[in-house]
Amino acid sequence: SNLAASGDDSKLAASGYGSKLAIDGKRGVCVSGERDCYVKGAAGTLVCLCLYNNDGHPVRLVTGKIGEGGLESSVWYGLDKKGVVGIDRRLCV
């Protein structure tokens, strides 16, 4: 699934493989609970990504806030074994 919201206080959640979620409004929340998912948001957006092992079991849940801890607005982020990583935006169109 591909989801986008531009209003303030937006909330998006996706559970399908390869989902892409984007929020442009203030105080948004982006939650992706499935493998190979990507999120991006405006400064202040809370994001959550889940990492799965090869057997399909969840092994790590990572949260962050865009604009803090090195997370930049308008950058697509995914999760791998090392942690949150910026993704080439061409993969997320």
N, C-alpha and C. Protein backbone atom coordinates (compact mmCIF):
# COMPACT_ATOMS: atom_id res chain seq x y z
N SER A 1 0.84 -1.20 0.00
CA SER A 1 0.00 0.00 0.00
C SER A 1 0.87 1.24 0.00
N ASN A 2 0.38 2.30 -0.61
CA ASN A 2 1.04 3.59 -0.63
C ASN A 2 0.08 4.60 -0.01
N LEU A 3 0.49 5.22 1.07
CA LEU A 3 -0.38 6.16 1.78
C LEU A 3 0.33 7.49 1.94
N ALA A 4 -0.43 8.58 1.82
CA ALA A 4 0.12 9.91 2.02
C ALA A 4 -0.93 10.79 2.68
N ALA A 5 -0.48 11.68 3.55
CA ALA A 5 -1.38 12.63 4.19
C ALA A 5 -0.68 13.97 4.29
N SER A 6 -1.43 15.06 4.10
CA SER A 6 -0.80 16.38 4.15
C SER A 6 -1.38 17.27 5.24
N GLY A 7 -2.41 16.86 5.92
CA GLY A 7 -3.00 17.69 6.96
C GLY A 7 -2.28 17.54 8.29
N ASP A 8 -2.43 18.56 9.14
CA ASP A 8 -1.86 18.49 10.48
C ASP A 8 -2.53 17.37 11.27
N ASP A 9 -1.78 16.79 12.21
CA ASP A 9 -2.26 15.72 13.09
C ASP A 9 -2.66 14.45 12.34
N SER A 10 -2.07 14.20 11.18
CA SER A 10 -2.38 13.00 10.40
C SER A 10 -1.80 11.76 11.05
N LYS A 11 -2.51 10.66 10.89
CA LYS A 11 -2.04 9.36 11.37
C LYS A 11 -2.16 8.36 10.24
N LEU A 12 -1.07 7.64 9.95
CA LEU A 12 -1.07 6.61 8.92
C LEU A 12 -0.51 5.32 9.50
N ALA A 13 -1.10 4.21 9.10
CA ALA A 13 -0.59 2.90 9.50
C ALA A 13 -0.75 1.95 8.32
N ALA A 14 0.22 1.06 8.13
CA ALA A 14 0.15 0.09 7.05
C ALA A 14 0.70 -1.24 7.52
N SER A 15 0.11 -2.33 7.00
CA SER A 15 0.59 -3.65 7.39
C SER A 15 0.97 -4.51 6.19
N GLY A 16 0.91 -3.99 4.98
CA GLY A 16 1.26 -4.77 3.80
C GLY A 16 2.75 -4.71 3.49
N TYR A 17 3.30 -5.79 2.92
CA TYR A 17 4.70 -5.80 2.51
C TYR A 17 4.97 -4.65 1.56
N GLY A 18 6.10 -3.99 1.73
CA GLY A 18 6.52 -2.95 0.82
C GLY A 18 5.72 -1.67 0.88
N SER A 19 5.01 -1.44 1.97
CA SER A 19 4.20 -0.22 2.09
C SER A 19 5.07 1.02 2.16
N LYS A 20 4.53 2.12 1.67
CA LYS A 20 5.21 3.41 1.71
C LYS A 20 4.24 4.41 2.33
N LEU A 21 4.69 5.11 3.39
CA LEU A 21 3.86 6.08 4.08
C LEU A 21 4.56 7.42 4.12
N ALA A 22 3.84 8.49 3.83
CA ALA A 22 4.43 9.84 3.82
C ALA A 22 3.46 10.82 4.46
N ILE A 23 3.98 11.67 5.34
CA ILE A 23 3.18 12.71 5.99
C ILE A 23 3.88 14.05 5.82
N ASP A 24 3.13 15.05 5.36
CA ASP A 24 3.68 16.40 5.20
C ASP A 24 3.18 17.38 6.25
N GLY A 25 2.14 17.06 6.98
CA GLY A 25 1.59 17.98 7.97
C GLY A 25 2.33 17.94 9.29
N LYS A 26 1.94 18.82 10.19
CA LYS A 26 2.56 18.90 11.52
C LYS A 26 1.98 17.84 12.45
N ARG A 27 2.80 17.39 13.39
CA ARG A 27 2.40 16.47 14.46
C ARG A 27 1.83 15.15 13.94
N GLY A 28 2.39 14.62 12.86
CA GLY A 28 1.91 13.36 12.29
C GLY A 28 2.50 12.14 12.97
N VAL A 29 1.88 11.00 12.72
CA VAL A 29 2.36 9.72 13.22
C VAL A 29 2.30 8.71 12.08
N CYS A 30 3.43 8.04 11.82
CA CYS A 30 3.57 7.07 10.73
C CYS A 30 3.99 5.74 11.34
N VAL A 31 3.18 4.69 11.19
CA VAL A 31 3.50 3.38 11.76
C VAL A 31 3.45 2.35 10.65
N SER A 32 4.55 1.63 10.48
CA SER A 32 4.60 0.57 9.48
C SER A 32 5.00 -0.72 10.17
N GLY A 33 4.09 -1.67 10.20
CA GLY A 33 4.33 -2.90 10.95
C GLY A 33 4.65 -4.11 10.11
N GLU A 34 5.16 -3.92 8.91
CA GLU A 34 5.44 -5.05 8.04
C GLU A 34 6.82 -4.91 7.41
N ARG A 35 7.32 -5.95 6.78
CA ARG A 35 8.67 -5.94 6.21
C ARG A 35 8.74 -5.10 4.93
N ASP A 36 9.95 -4.59 4.67
CA ASP A 36 10.25 -3.81 3.46
C ASP A 36 9.36 -2.58 3.31
N CYS A 37 9.11 -1.89 4.41
CA CYS A 37 8.28 -0.69 4.38
C CYS A 37 9.15 0.54 4.56
N TYR A 38 8.64 1.67 4.07
CA TYR A 38 9.38 2.93 4.11
C TYR A 38 8.48 4.04 4.60
N VAL A 39 9.07 4.99 5.34
CA VAL A 39 8.32 6.13 5.85
C VAL A 39 9.11 7.42 5.60
N LYS A 40 8.39 8.52 5.48
CA LYS A 40 9.02 9.84 5.48
C LYS A 40 8.01 10.81 6.04
N GLY A 41 8.52 11.91 6.58
CA GLY A 41 7.61 12.88 7.17
C GLY A 41 8.25 14.24 7.35
N ALA A 42 7.40 15.19 7.68
CA ALA A 42 7.85 16.54 7.99
C ALA A 42 8.48 16.54 9.39
N ALA A 43 9.22 17.59 9.69
CA ALA A 43 9.82 17.71 11.03
C ALA A 43 8.72 17.57 12.08
N GLY A 44 9.01 16.79 13.11
CA GLY A 44 8.06 16.57 14.19
C GLY A 44 7.23 15.31 14.03
N THR A 45 7.27 14.67 12.85
CA THR A 45 6.51 13.44 12.63
C THR A 45 7.14 12.30 13.41
N LEU A 46 6.31 11.55 14.13
CA LEU A 46 6.77 10.36 14.82
C LEU A 46 6.69 9.19 13.85
N VAL A 47 7.74 8.37 13.79
CA VAL A 47 7.76 7.23 12.88
C VAL A 47 8.08 5.95 13.64
N CYS A 48 7.58 4.85 13.12
CA CYS A 48 7.80 3.54 13.73
C CYS A 48 7.97 2.52 12.61
N LEU A 49 9.02 1.72 12.68
CA LEU A 49 9.31 0.67 11.70
C LEU A 49 9.60 -0.64 12.43
N CYS A 50 9.25 -1.75 11.81
CA CYS A 50 9.48 -3.07 12.40
C CYS A 50 10.40 -3.88 11.49
N LEU A 51 11.37 -4.58 12.08
CA LEU A 51 12.29 -5.44 11.35
C LEU A 51 11.90 -6.90 11.57
N TYR A 52 11.94 -7.68 10.49
CA TYR A 52 11.58 -9.10 10.54
C TYR A 52 12.77 -9.95 10.20
N ASN A 53 12.84 -11.15 10.76
CA ASN A 53 13.92 -12.08 10.41
C ASN A 53 13.52 -12.87 9.17
N ASN A 54 14.40 -13.76 8.72
CA ASN A 54 14.14 -14.54 7.51
C ASN A 54 12.96 -15.49 7.64
N ASP A 55 12.57 -15.80 8.87
CA ASP A 55 11.42 -16.68 9.10
C ASP A 55 10.10 -15.90 9.16
N GLY A 56 10.20 -14.58 9.00
CA GLY A 56 8.99 -13.76 9.02
C GLY A 56 8.52 -13.33 10.39
N HIS A 57 9.39 -13.48 11.38
CA HIS A 57 9.03 -13.10 12.74
C HIS A 57 9.58 -11.71 13.06
N PRO A 58 8.79 -10.86 13.73
CA PRO A 58 9.30 -9.54 14.10
C PRO A 58 10.39 -9.68 15.15
N VAL A 59 11.50 -8.94 14.96
CA VAL A 59 12.63 -9.03 15.89
C VAL A 59 13.04 -7.67 16.46
N ARG A 60 12.57 -6.59 15.86
CA ARG A 60 12.99 -5.27 16.34
C ARG A 60 11.95 -4.23 15.94
N LEU A 61 11.65 -3.35 16.87
CA LEU A 61 10.75 -2.23 16.63
C LEU A 61 11.51 -0.96 16.93
N VAL A 62 11.55 -0.05 15.96
CA VAL A 62 12.32 1.19 16.11
C VAL A 62 11.39 2.38 15.93
N THR A 63 11.53 3.35 16.83
CA THR A 63 10.75 4.59 16.72
C THR A 63 11.70 5.77 16.66
N GLY A 64 11.21 6.86 16.12
CA GLY A 64 12.00 8.08 16.05
C GLY A 64 11.12 9.27 15.76
N LYS A 65 11.73 10.43 15.77
CA LYS A 65 11.02 11.67 15.48
C LYS A 65 11.80 12.42 14.42
N ILE A 66 11.13 12.71 13.30
CA ILE A 66 11.79 13.43 12.21
C ILE A 66 12.24 14.80 12.73
N GLY A 67 13.49 15.12 12.43
CA GLY A 67 14.08 16.36 12.92
C GLY A 67 14.95 16.15 14.15
N GLU A 68 14.98 14.93 14.67
CA GLU A 68 15.80 14.59 15.84
C GLU A 68 16.62 13.34 15.55
N GLY A 69 17.75 13.21 16.20
CA GLY A 69 18.58 12.00 16.09
C GLY A 69 19.07 11.72 14.68
N GLY A 70 19.21 12.75 13.88
CA GLY A 70 19.72 12.57 12.52
C GLY A 70 18.66 12.26 11.47
N LEU A 71 17.40 12.14 11.87
CA LEU A 71 16.33 11.89 10.91
C LEU A 71 15.92 13.22 10.26
N GLU A 72 16.01 13.29 8.95
CA GLU A 72 15.73 14.51 8.22
C GLU A 72 14.36 14.45 7.54
N SER A 73 13.71 15.60 7.43
CA SER A 73 12.41 15.64 6.77
C SER A 73 12.57 15.35 5.28
N SER A 74 11.53 14.81 4.71
CA SER A 74 11.45 14.50 3.28
C SER A 74 12.47 13.47 2.80
N VAL A 75 13.02 12.67 3.69
CA VAL A 75 13.91 11.56 3.33
C VAL A 75 13.15 10.27 3.63
N TRP A 76 13.16 9.35 2.68
CA TRP A 76 12.55 8.04 2.91
C TRP A 76 13.46 7.23 3.82
N TYR A 77 12.87 6.57 4.83
CA TYR A 77 13.64 5.73 5.75
C TYR A 77 13.07 4.32 5.77
N GLY A 78 13.98 3.38 5.87
CA GLY A 78 13.64 1.98 6.04
C GLY A 78 14.43 1.43 7.21
N LEU A 79 14.31 0.14 7.45
CA LEU A 79 14.98 -0.47 8.59
C LEU A 79 15.70 -1.73 8.11
N ASP A 80 16.97 -1.85 8.52
CA ASP A 80 17.70 -3.08 8.26
C ASP A 80 18.34 -3.55 9.56
N LYS A 81 19.17 -4.57 9.51
CA LYS A 81 19.77 -5.13 10.72
C LYS A 81 20.61 -4.14 11.49
N LYS A 82 21.13 -3.12 10.81
CA LYS A 82 21.96 -2.12 11.47
C LYS A 82 21.13 -1.00 12.10
N GLY A 83 19.89 -0.85 11.67
CA GLY A 83 19.02 0.20 12.20
C GLY A 83 18.33 0.96 11.08
N VAL A 84 17.92 2.18 11.36
CA VAL A 84 17.20 3.00 10.40
C VAL A 84 18.18 3.51 9.34
N VAL A 85 17.79 3.39 8.08
CA VAL A 85 18.65 3.83 6.98
C VAL A 85 17.86 4.68 6.00
N GLY A 86 18.53 5.70 5.45
CA GLY A 86 17.94 6.50 4.39
C GLY A 86 17.89 5.66 3.12
N ILE A 87 16.81 5.80 2.36
CA ILE A 87 16.58 5.01 1.16
C ILE A 87 16.58 5.94 -0.05
N ASP A 88 17.14 5.48 -1.14
CA ASP A 88 17.11 6.24 -2.39
C ASP A 88 15.64 6.50 -2.76
N ARG A 89 15.28 7.75 -2.89
CA ARG A 89 13.87 8.11 -3.10
C ARG A 89 13.30 7.52 -4.38
N ARG A 90 14.14 7.19 -5.35
CA ARG A 90 13.64 6.60 -6.58
C ARG A 90 13.03 5.23 -6.35
N LEU A 91 13.41 4.57 -5.27
CA LEU A 91 12.84 3.27 -4.94
C LEU A 91 11.45 3.39 -4.33
N CYS A 92 11.10 4.59 -3.91
CA CYS A 92 9.87 4.79 -3.16
C CYS A 92 8.81 5.57 -3.92
N VAL A 93 8.98 5.74 -5.21
CA VAL A 93 8.02 6.51 -6.00
C VAL A 93 6.82 5.65 -6.34
